[in-house]
Amino acid sequence: MNERRFSLPILAALAAACLLLATGILMARYEDRLYADQQVKNINEQAHILAASVAGAVAFDDLRAAQEYVNALKVNPELLVAGVYNGRDRRIAGFSRGGRAIPARPGITASGHGHIDVAVPVTQNGARLGAVFLSAAAEPAQRRIARYIGLVLLVTMGALVIAVLAFSQSALSRRADQLSRVNLRLQAEMGERARTEEALRQAHKMEAVGQLSGGIAHDFNNLIMIAKGNLRLLRKRLDPAAGQQFQYVAATEEALDRAAHLTQRILAFSRRQPLMPEPVRLSGLVSDIGALLRHSVGETVELETRLDAQWWTRCDINQMENVILNLAINARDAMPDGGRLTIATRDLRLNDAPAGLAEFSPGDYVALSLRDTGVGMSEEVRSRAVDPFFTTKPLGKGTGLGLSMTFGFVRQSGGYLVIESAPGKGSEITIYMPRTEEPA
């Protein structure tokens, strides 16, 4: 009878240990699958972005331009191989690292253990011009080590449970409580690590997209300047009596001006626009444009301001005014039936990064937030809100560059941008600008 009573805790402990081990293995496999799927998705997105970017370079066999676009992808440390191929499947640009070789042809090789291969055609107007090839690490060594450590911790906890149950049922209760707290802490750490990894992947993607779009905008702007110069020469040589010809030239110049404005917004996203920063109080800046804001949001939107910030920050005042106005107009569009827009400023001393930011420098910040009571955004839309050319507005109603320009300007000014939103609960966009000393 004593042996039976003694064996019951042992059997229960063995069952609990087996369950923990199986759970750990399933969790590890599930995390591996999620990470692999996300990695394949990220590499496919980068491959399609590169294919769209190098279409012109491949069409004109511009090896230098193609190599510049490929080099922009080096900011992603997980990319091992990148290659661009022309219509004859001849490699015209690429790079490799980590001992991997660039394939001579763009066909997808079998994705082996430790790497993922993706090949995407380069097309233009439905015609195939060539292809791009990307190969990336499937799993960083740090993550693999962390997963193994987590599995070892689970097995260790199972062994502790066996030992506790073997000696004392009362001690088991105390140990179980301790293990419960450890599990909660581990789950919180795993969740925080997953959020940090996702934020870092998003930062790497935005950096790569920013470099690609910035390079395109810079080259495109040079072409616009050449075209505008030739139009000026043509205008001088036209017969003043040829009024219709002057109209054609004026219409072309107007279109080029719009294209130049578009390139400036792209340069703002890629953080390459020229700025003239100077000390400013955000509370005073919002007050100065209060009348313009009320006129812009319309009569159906109630505008409320809570300007509590007293610290100074440093930014381009004209650009910041444009940012606030654009965000207010976006909030108005999110409230077609009216609502409330609250603009607030406050002084903050932040030791930890706000939610959604992976790279953050602790210190004193002036926070500017705009909160609306509109339709809100889904998590998918919120995660892509600052991507260039991404918009949920109907065709012709938006370019998809408003938030991306705001993001680029804020980061170029040393600040941070956070978007919080949920469907049916409105949105809140907060800009954190670093505090600067009060000017003399």
Protein backbone atom coordinates (compact mmCIF):
# COMPACT_ATOMS: atom_id res chain seq x y z
CA MET A 1 0.00 0.00 0.00
CA ASN A 2 2.85 2.42 0.86
CA GLU A 3 4.60 1.56 -2.40
CA ARG A 4 1.40 2.29 -4.30
CA ARG A 5 0.95 5.65 -2.54
CA PHE A 6 4.62 6.42 -3.25
CA SER A 7 4.38 5.45 -6.92
CA LEU A 8 1.33 7.63 -7.65
CA PRO A 9 3.22 10.94 -7.28
CA ILE A 10 6.06 9.49 -9.37
CA LEU A 11 3.66 8.47 -12.15
CA ALA A 12 1.93 11.85 -12.00
CA ALA A 13 5.28 13.61 -12.14
CA LEU A 14 6.43 11.48 -15.07
CA ALA A 15 3.21 12.26 -16.91
CA ALA A 16 3.66 15.98 -16.19
CA ALA A 17 7.29 15.87 -17.37
CA CYS A 18 6.31 14.07 -20.59
CA LEU A 19 3.57 16.61 -21.18
CA LEU A 20 5.97 19.51 -20.64
CA LEU A 21 8.54 17.97 -22.97
CA ALA A 22 5.94 17.34 -25.68
CA THR A 23 4.59 20.89 -25.26
CA GLY A 24 8.10 22.29 -25.58
CA ILE A 25 8.74 20.31 -28.75
CA LEU A 26 5.40 21.36 -30.26
CA MET A 27 6.01 24.99 -29.32
CA ALA A 28 9.48 24.86 -30.87
CA ARG A 29 8.14 23.33 -34.08
CA TYR A 30 5.26 25.79 -34.19
CA GLU A 31 7.61 28.76 -33.72
CA ASP A 32 9.90 27.35 -36.41
CA ARG A 33 6.98 27.11 -38.84
CA LEU A 34 5.76 30.63 -38.07
CA TYR A 35 9.25 32.08 -38.40
CA ALA A 36 9.94 30.18 -41.64
CA ASP A 37 6.63 31.35 -43.18
CA GLN A 38 7.32 34.94 -42.15
CA GLN A 39 10.88 34.75 -43.49
CA VAL A 40 9.68 33.38 -46.85
CA LYS A 41 7.10 36.19 -47.02
CA ASN A 42 9.73 38.86 -46.22
CA ILE A 43 12.19 37.52 -48.81
CA ASN A 44 9.42 37.35 -51.44
CA GLU A 45 8.48 40.98 -50.68
CA GLN A 46 12.09 42.11 -50.99
CA ALA A 47 12.49 40.11 -54.23
CA HIS A 48 9.39 41.74 -55.77
CA ILE A 49 10.56 45.20 -54.65
CA LEU A 50 13.99 44.58 -56.20
CA ALA A 51 12.39 43.22 -59.41
CA ALA A 52 10.23 46.33 -59.77
CA SER A 53 13.18 48.63 -59.00
CA VAL A 54 15.68 47.13 -61.46
CA ALA A 55 13.23 46.82 -64.39
CA GLY A 56 14.60 49.95 -66.03
CA ALA A 57 18.21 48.96 -65.41
CA VAL A 58 17.64 45.47 -66.88
CA ALA A 59 15.77 46.89 -69.88
CA PHE A 60 18.71 49.16 -70.74
CA ASP A 61 21.37 46.69 -69.55
CA ASP A 62 22.60 49.32 -67.06
CA LEU A 63 24.96 47.21 -64.93
CA ARG A 64 25.93 50.06 -62.61
CA ALA A 65 22.35 51.02 -61.73
CA ALA A 66 21.41 47.37 -61.22
CA GLN A 67 24.35 46.89 -58.83
CA GLU A 68 23.33 50.00 -56.85
CA TYR A 69 19.85 48.59 -56.31
CA VAL A 70 21.31 45.25 -55.26
CA ASN A 71 23.77 46.90 -52.86
CA ALA A 72 20.85 48.63 -51.11
CA LEU A 73 19.76 45.19 -49.86
CA LYS A 74 22.99 44.66 -47.93
CA VAL A 75 21.41 46.41 -44.93
CA ASN A 76 19.53 43.15 -44.29
CA PRO A 77 22.10 40.91 -42.54
CA GLU A 78 20.00 37.80 -43.18
CA LEU A 79 20.38 38.10 -46.98
CA LEU A 80 23.20 35.82 -48.14
CA VAL A 81 22.93 36.06 -51.95
CA ALA A 82 21.30 38.54 -54.34
CA GLY A 83 21.50 38.43 -58.12
CA VAL A 84 19.97 40.26 -61.11
CA TYR A 85 19.77 38.55 -64.53
CA ASN A 86 18.88 39.90 -67.97
CA GLY A 87 16.55 38.34 -70.54
CA ARG A 88 19.27 35.90 -71.62
CA ASP A 89 19.59 34.70 -68.00
CA ARG A 90 23.03 36.24 -67.76
CA ARG A 91 23.93 37.71 -64.37
CA ILE A 92 24.48 41.48 -64.53
CA ALA A 93 24.65 42.35 -60.81
CA GLY A 94 24.74 40.68 -57.40
CA PHE A 95 26.53 40.06 -54.13
CA SER A 96 27.09 37.12 -51.81
CA ARG A 97 28.38 36.49 -48.29
CA GLY A 98 28.59 33.76 -45.74
CA GLY A 99 30.38 31.42 -48.16
CA ARG A 100 27.39 31.21 -50.56
CA ALA A 101 27.94 31.53 -54.32
CA ILE A 102 25.75 33.52 -56.72
CA PRO A 103 24.01 31.11 -59.16
CA ALA A 104 25.01 31.53 -62.79
CA ARG A 105 21.33 31.30 -63.78
CA PRO A 106 18.23 32.55 -61.94
CA GLY A 107 16.50 29.19 -61.44
CA ILE A 108 15.44 28.44 -57.84
CA THR A 109 17.74 26.01 -56.15
CA ALA A 110 16.37 23.70 -53.51
CA SER A 111 16.03 25.63 -50.26
CA GLY A 112 18.17 23.63 -47.91
CA HIS A 113 18.51 23.60 -44.13
CA GLY A 114 19.52 27.06 -43.02
CA HIS A 115 18.60 29.08 -46.13
CA ILE A 116 15.62 30.13 -48.30
CA ASP A 117 15.90 30.74 -52.07
CA VAL A 118 13.48 32.93 -54.07
CA ALA A 119 13.49 33.82 -57.78
CA VAL A 120 11.14 36.48 -59.20
CA PRO A 121 10.81 37.52 -62.88
CA VAL A 122 11.51 41.11 -63.87
CA THR A 123 8.65 42.29 -66.09
CA GLN A 124 7.56 45.46 -67.79
CA ASN A 125 4.17 45.85 -69.48
CA GLY A 126 3.65 42.11 -69.23
CA ALA A 127 6.95 41.25 -70.97
CA ARG A 128 9.67 39.33 -69.16
CA LEU A 129 12.94 41.30 -69.08
CA GLY A 130 14.94 39.08 -66.72
CA ALA A 131 14.86 37.81 -63.18
CA VAL A 132 16.15 38.45 -59.65
CA PHE A 133 17.33 35.84 -57.17
CA LEU A 134 17.54 36.17 -53.37
CA SER A 135 18.80 33.69 -50.80
CA ALA A 136 18.48 34.35 -47.06
CA ALA A 137 19.28 32.63 -43.80
CA ALA A 138 16.29 30.61 -42.62
CA GLU A 139 17.05 31.04 -38.94
CA PRO A 140 19.69 33.16 -37.14
CA ALA A 141 22.02 31.30 -34.78
CA GLN A 142 20.91 33.45 -31.82
CA ARG A 143 17.29 32.41 -32.26
CA ARG A 144 18.21 28.73 -32.58
CA ILE A 145 20.26 28.93 -29.37
CA ALA A 146 17.40 30.70 -27.57
CA ARG A 147 14.98 27.97 -28.69
CA TYR A 148 17.30 25.22 -27.45
CA ILE A 149 17.73 27.02 -24.13
CA GLY A 150 13.94 27.28 -23.79
CA LEU A 151 13.58 23.55 -24.46
CA VAL A 152 16.27 22.75 -21.88
CA LEU A 153 14.47 24.95 -19.36
CA LEU A 154 11.24 23.05 -19.94
CA VAL A 155 12.96 19.69 -19.43
CA THR A 156 14.67 21.02 -16.31
CA MET A 157 11.35 22.16 -14.90
CA GLY A 158 9.94 18.69 -15.54
CA ALA A 159 12.81 17.13 -13.58
CA LEU A 160 12.19 19.52 -10.70
CA VAL A 161 8.52 18.55 -10.69
CA ILE A 162 9.47 14.85 -10.48
CA ALA A 163 11.81 15.47 -7.53
CA VAL A 164 9.27 17.57 -5.65
CA LEU A 165 6.41 15.11 -6.14
CA ALA A 166 8.62 12.19 -5.09
CA PHE A 167 9.35 13.61 -1.63
CA SER A 168 6.43 15.77 -0.52
CA GLN A 169 2.96 16.65 -1.73
CA SER A 170 2.99 19.85 0.26
CA ALA A 171 6.33 20.85 -1.25
CA LEU A 172 4.79 20.15 -4.67
CA SER A 173 2.21 22.88 -4.13
CA ARG A 174 4.87 25.42 -3.28
CA ARG A 175 7.04 24.38 -6.22
CA ALA A 176 4.07 24.40 -8.58
CA ASP A 177 3.35 27.99 -7.59
CA GLN A 178 6.96 28.96 -8.22
CA LEU A 179 6.96 27.19 -11.58
CA SER A 180 3.75 28.96 -12.54
CA ARG A 181 5.41 32.33 -11.94
CA VAL A 182 8.49 31.23 -13.89
CA ASN A 183 6.28 30.12 -16.78
CA LEU A 184 4.48 33.44 -16.84
CA ARG A 185 7.79 35.30 -16.83
CA LEU A 186 9.17 33.10 -19.62
CA GLN A 187 6.04 33.61 -21.70
CA ALA A 188 6.28 37.37 -21.19
CA GLU A 189 9.94 37.33 -22.22
CA MET A 190 9.16 35.18 -25.26
CA GLY A 191 6.36 37.53 -26.25
CA GLU A 192 8.61 40.58 -25.81
CA ARG A 193 11.36 38.92 -27.83
CA ALA A 194 8.88 38.10 -30.61
CA ARG A 195 7.63 41.70 -30.68
CA THR A 196 11.21 43.01 -30.75
CA GLU A 197 12.13 40.67 -33.61
CA GLU A 198 9.06 41.77 -35.58
CA ALA A 199 9.90 45.45 -34.98
CA LEU A 200 13.49 44.87 -36.12
CA ARG A 201 12.32 43.07 -39.26
CA GLN A 202 9.98 45.97 -39.99
CA ALA A 203 12.84 48.45 -39.43
CA HIS A 204 15.10 46.50 -41.82
CA LYS A 205 12.33 46.38 -44.42
CA MET A 206 11.65 50.11 -44.14
CA GLU A 207 15.38 50.88 -44.37
CA ALA A 208 15.72 48.77 -47.53
CA VAL A 209 12.59 50.28 -49.10
CA GLY A 210 13.78 53.76 -48.13
CA GLN A 211 17.16 53.31 -49.79
CA LEU A 212 15.60 51.87 -52.95
CA SER A 213 12.91 54.57 -53.22
CA GLY A 214 15.40 57.33 -52.36
CA GLY A 215 17.75 56.22 -55.13
CA ILE A 216 14.91 56.06 -57.63
CA ALA A 217 13.58 59.48 -56.59
CA HIS A 218 17.04 61.07 -56.84
CA ASP A 219 17.68 59.70 -60.36
CA PHE A 220 14.14 60.54 -61.46
CA ASN A 221 14.50 64.11 -60.17
CA ASN A 222 17.65 64.55 -62.28
CA LEU A 223 15.73 63.42 -65.36
CA ILE A 224 12.94 65.88 -64.55
CA MET A 225 15.44 68.73 -64.29
CA ILE A 226 16.87 67.84 -67.72
CA ALA A 227 13.37 67.74 -69.25
CA LYS A 228 12.43 71.09 -67.68
CA GLY A 229 15.64 72.66 -68.97
CA ASN A 230 14.95 71.47 -72.49
CA LEU A 231 11.39 72.82 -72.27
CA ARG A 232 12.74 76.25 -71.29
CA LEU A 233 15.02 76.21 -74.34
CA LEU A 234 12.10 75.10 -76.52
CA ARG A 235 9.91 77.92 -75.14
CA LYS A 236 12.57 80.47 -76.13
CA ARG A 237 12.70 79.16 -79.70
CA LEU A 238 8.94 78.98 -80.28
CA ASP A 239 7.21 81.57 -82.35
CA PRO A 240 5.30 83.90 -79.97
CA ALA A 241 2.36 83.68 -82.37
CA ALA A 242 2.11 79.90 -81.86
CA GLY A 243 -0.21 80.07 -78.86
CA GLN A 244 -1.31 76.43 -78.97
CA GLN A 245 2.30 75.24 -78.89
CA PHE A 246 2.90 77.36 -75.80
CA GLN A 247 -0.09 75.66 -74.17
CA TYR A 248 1.43 72.24 -74.84
CA VAL A 249 4.73 73.34 -73.29
CA ALA A 250 2.94 74.84 -70.24
CA ALA A 251 0.94 71.63 -69.71
CA THR A 252 4.13 69.56 -69.88
CA GLU A 253 5.89 71.87 -67.42
CA GLU A 254 2.95 71.59 -65.01
CA ALA A 255 3.10 67.78 -65.19
CA LEU A 256 6.85 67.87 -64.52
CA ASP A 257 6.27 70.13 -61.49
CA ARG A 258 3.83 67.58 -60.08
CA ALA A 259 6.37 64.81 -60.70
CA ALA A 260 9.06 66.85 -58.93
CA HIS A 261 6.73 67.34 -55.93
CA LEU A 262 6.18 63.58 -55.85
CA THR A 263 9.93 62.93 -55.79
CA GLN A 264 10.30 65.36 -52.89
CA ARG A 265 7.73 63.36 -50.89
CA ILE A 266 9.59 60.15 -51.68
CA LEU A 267 12.86 61.78 -50.57
CA ALA A 268 11.10 62.79 -47.35
CA PHE A 269 10.25 59.14 -46.70
CA SER A 270 13.83 58.03 -47.44
CA ARG A 271 15.16 60.80 -45.10
CA ARG A 272 17.11 62.63 -47.81
CA GLN A 273 15.21 65.89 -47.96
CA PRO A 274 17.05 69.11 -46.94
CA LEU A 275 15.82 70.43 -43.58
CA MET A 276 16.31 73.69 -41.69
CA PRO A 277 15.86 72.71 -38.02
CA GLU A 278 15.49 75.34 -35.32
CA PRO A 279 14.32 75.37 -31.67
CA VAL A 280 10.55 75.42 -31.25
CA ARG A 281 7.84 74.72 -28.68
CA LEU A 282 5.32 72.30 -30.17
CA SER A 283 2.54 73.73 -28.00
CA GLY A 284 3.09 77.18 -29.48
CA LEU A 285 3.36 75.78 -32.99
CA VAL A 286 -0.03 74.03 -32.68
CA SER A 287 -1.58 77.23 -31.28
CA ASP A 288 -0.22 79.28 -34.19
CA ILE A 289 -1.93 77.08 -36.78
CA GLY A 290 -5.09 76.54 -34.72
CA ALA A 291 -7.30 78.57 -37.08
CA LEU A 292 -5.96 76.70 -40.11
CA LEU A 293 -6.56 73.37 -38.38
CA ARG A 294 -10.18 74.24 -37.53
CA HIS A 295 -10.81 75.32 -41.11
CA SER A 296 -9.20 72.13 -42.48
CA VAL A 297 -11.13 69.61 -40.36
CA GLY A 298 -14.50 71.25 -41.08
CA GLU A 299 -17.56 71.96 -39.00
CA THR A 300 -18.54 68.30 -38.47
CA VAL A 301 -15.36 67.57 -36.49
CA GLU A 302 -14.94 68.90 -32.95
CA LEU A 303 -11.33 70.03 -32.45
CA GLU A 304 -9.93 69.85 -28.92
CA THR A 305 -6.40 70.84 -27.86
CA ARG A 306 -4.51 69.93 -24.68
CA LEU A 307 -1.19 71.74 -24.96
CA ASP A 308 0.72 70.90 -21.77
CA ALA A 309 4.28 70.63 -23.16
CA GLN A 310 6.72 73.36 -22.10
CA TRP A 311 10.04 71.87 -23.23
CA TRP A 312 11.77 72.89 -26.44
CA THR A 313 12.63 70.60 -29.33
CA ARG A 314 14.43 71.10 -32.63
CA CYS A 315 12.90 70.55 -36.08
CA ASP A 316 12.05 72.19 -39.40
CA ILE A 317 9.06 74.32 -38.43
CA ASN A 318 7.48 74.46 -41.89
CA GLN A 319 7.75 70.70 -42.32
CA MET A 320 6.32 70.08 -38.83
CA GLU A 321 3.35 72.35 -39.60
CA ASN A 322 2.72 70.34 -42.78
CA VAL A 323 2.94 67.10 -40.81
CA ILE A 324 0.37 68.26 -38.22
CA LEU A 325 -1.96 69.55 -40.94
CA ASN A 326 -1.71 66.31 -42.98
CA LEU A 327 -2.38 64.17 -39.90
CA ALA A 328 -5.40 66.31 -39.03
CA ILE A 329 -6.78 65.93 -42.57
CA ASN A 330 -6.25 62.14 -42.38
CA ALA A 331 -8.17 62.11 -39.09
CA ARG A 332 -10.98 64.12 -40.70
CA ASP A 333 -11.19 61.63 -43.58
CA ALA A 334 -11.43 58.79 -41.03
CA MET A 335 -14.55 60.46 -39.53
CA PRO A 336 -16.91 60.91 -42.52
CA ASP A 337 -19.89 61.36 -40.19
CA GLY A 338 -18.08 63.73 -37.84
CA GLY A 339 -16.39 63.15 -34.51
CA ARG A 340 -13.73 64.55 -32.20
CA LEU A 341 -10.07 65.23 -32.96
CA THR A 342 -7.86 65.75 -29.89
CA ILE A 343 -4.40 67.28 -30.36
CA ALA A 344 -2.23 67.07 -27.24
CA THR A 345 1.35 67.85 -26.28
CA ARG A 346 3.15 66.78 -23.13
CA ASP A 347 6.65 66.52 -21.68
CA LEU A 348 7.86 62.97 -21.01
CA ARG A 349 10.93 61.33 -19.51
CA LEU A 350 11.11 57.89 -21.12
CA ASN A 351 13.38 55.15 -19.82
CA ASP A 352 11.78 52.36 -21.85
CA ALA A 353 10.82 52.28 -25.51
CA PRO A 354 7.13 52.89 -26.31
CA ALA A 355 5.24 49.87 -27.63
CA GLY A 356 6.11 49.06 -31.23
CA LEU A 357 9.61 50.59 -31.21
CA ALA A 358 12.66 48.32 -31.30
CA GLU A 359 15.40 50.95 -31.58
CA PHE A 360 14.94 53.73 -29.03
CA SER A 361 17.19 56.05 -27.03
CA PRO A 362 15.94 56.77 -23.48
CA GLY A 363 15.74 60.42 -22.45
CA ASP A 364 13.51 63.49 -22.37
CA TYR A 365 10.95 63.88 -25.16
CA VAL A 366 8.19 66.23 -26.22
CA ALA A 367 5.19 64.13 -27.31
CA LEU A 368 2.69 65.37 -29.89
CA SER A 369 -0.39 63.16 -30.34
CA LEU A 370 -3.46 63.36 -32.57
CA ARG A 371 -6.36 61.12 -31.55
CA ASP A 372 -9.58 60.74 -33.55
CA THR A 373 -12.84 58.86 -33.02
CA GLY A 374 -12.95 57.53 -36.56
CA VAL A 375 -13.26 54.09 -38.13
CA GLY A 376 -9.79 52.95 -36.97
CA MET A 377 -7.41 50.52 -38.68
CA SER A 378 -6.97 46.79 -38.63
CA GLU A 379 -3.63 45.41 -37.45
CA GLU A 380 -2.64 44.60 -41.04
CA VAL A 381 -3.38 48.15 -42.21
CA ARG A 382 -1.68 49.68 -39.16
CA SER A 383 1.51 47.65 -39.74
CA ARG A 384 1.70 48.92 -43.35
CA ALA A 385 0.48 52.47 -42.74
CA VAL A 386 3.92 54.09 -43.26
CA ASP A 387 4.83 52.00 -46.32
CA PRO A 388 5.23 54.27 -49.37
CA PHE A 389 2.31 54.23 -51.84
CA PHE A 390 0.13 52.18 -49.46
CA THR A 391 -3.33 53.70 -49.07
CA THR A 392 -6.85 52.55 -48.25
CA LYS A 393 -8.42 55.50 -50.02
CA PRO A 394 -10.16 55.07 -53.40
CA LEU A 395 -8.18 55.51 -56.60
CA GLY A 396 -7.35 59.15 -57.17
CA LYS A 397 -8.09 60.17 -53.57
CA GLY A 398 -4.62 59.61 -52.10
CA THR A 399 -1.02 58.86 -53.09
CA GLY A 400 -0.11 56.73 -50.07
CA LEU A 401 2.81 59.04 -49.27
CA GLY A 402 1.34 61.14 -46.43
CA LEU A 403 2.25 58.91 -43.47
CA SER A 404 5.43 57.66 -45.13
CA MET A 405 6.58 61.28 -45.58
CA THR A 406 5.70 61.98 -41.93
CA PHE A 407 7.64 58.91 -40.80
CA GLY A 408 10.70 59.90 -42.83
CA PHE A 409 10.66 63.50 -41.58
CA VAL A 410 10.29 62.46 -37.92
CA ARG A 411 13.12 59.92 -38.13
CA GLN A 412 15.35 62.39 -40.01
CA SER A 413 14.69 64.88 -37.19
CA GLY A 414 15.78 62.34 -34.55
CA GLY A 415 12.27 61.52 -33.34
CA TYR A 416 9.98 58.50 -33.35
CA LEU A 417 6.45 57.83 -34.62
CA VAL A 418 3.97 55.37 -33.04
CA ILE A 419 0.54 54.43 -34.42
CA GLU A 420 -2.14 52.92 -32.18
CA SER A 421 -5.46 51.93 -33.69
CA ALA A 422 -8.24 49.33 -33.69
CA PRO A 423 -11.29 48.92 -35.93
CA GLY A 424 -14.18 51.02 -34.66
CA LYS A 425 -12.09 52.60 -31.86
CA GLY A 426 -10.32 55.40 -33.72
CA SER A 427 -6.61 56.01 -34.12
CA GLU A 428 -3.90 57.82 -32.22
CA ILE A 429 -0.63 58.91 -33.84
CA THR A 430 2.09 60.05 -31.45
CA ILE A 431 5.33 61.80 -32.43
CA TYR A 432 8.18 61.77 -29.87
CA MET A 433 10.69 64.58 -30.49
CA PRO A 434 13.88 64.77 -28.37
CA ARG A 435 14.11 67.65 -25.93
CA THR A 436 16.63 70.39 -26.67
CA GLU A 437 18.00 73.16 -24.49
CA GLU A 438 15.97 76.36 -24.31
CA PRO A 439 17.47 78.95 -26.67
CA ALA A 440 19.11 81.98 -25.15
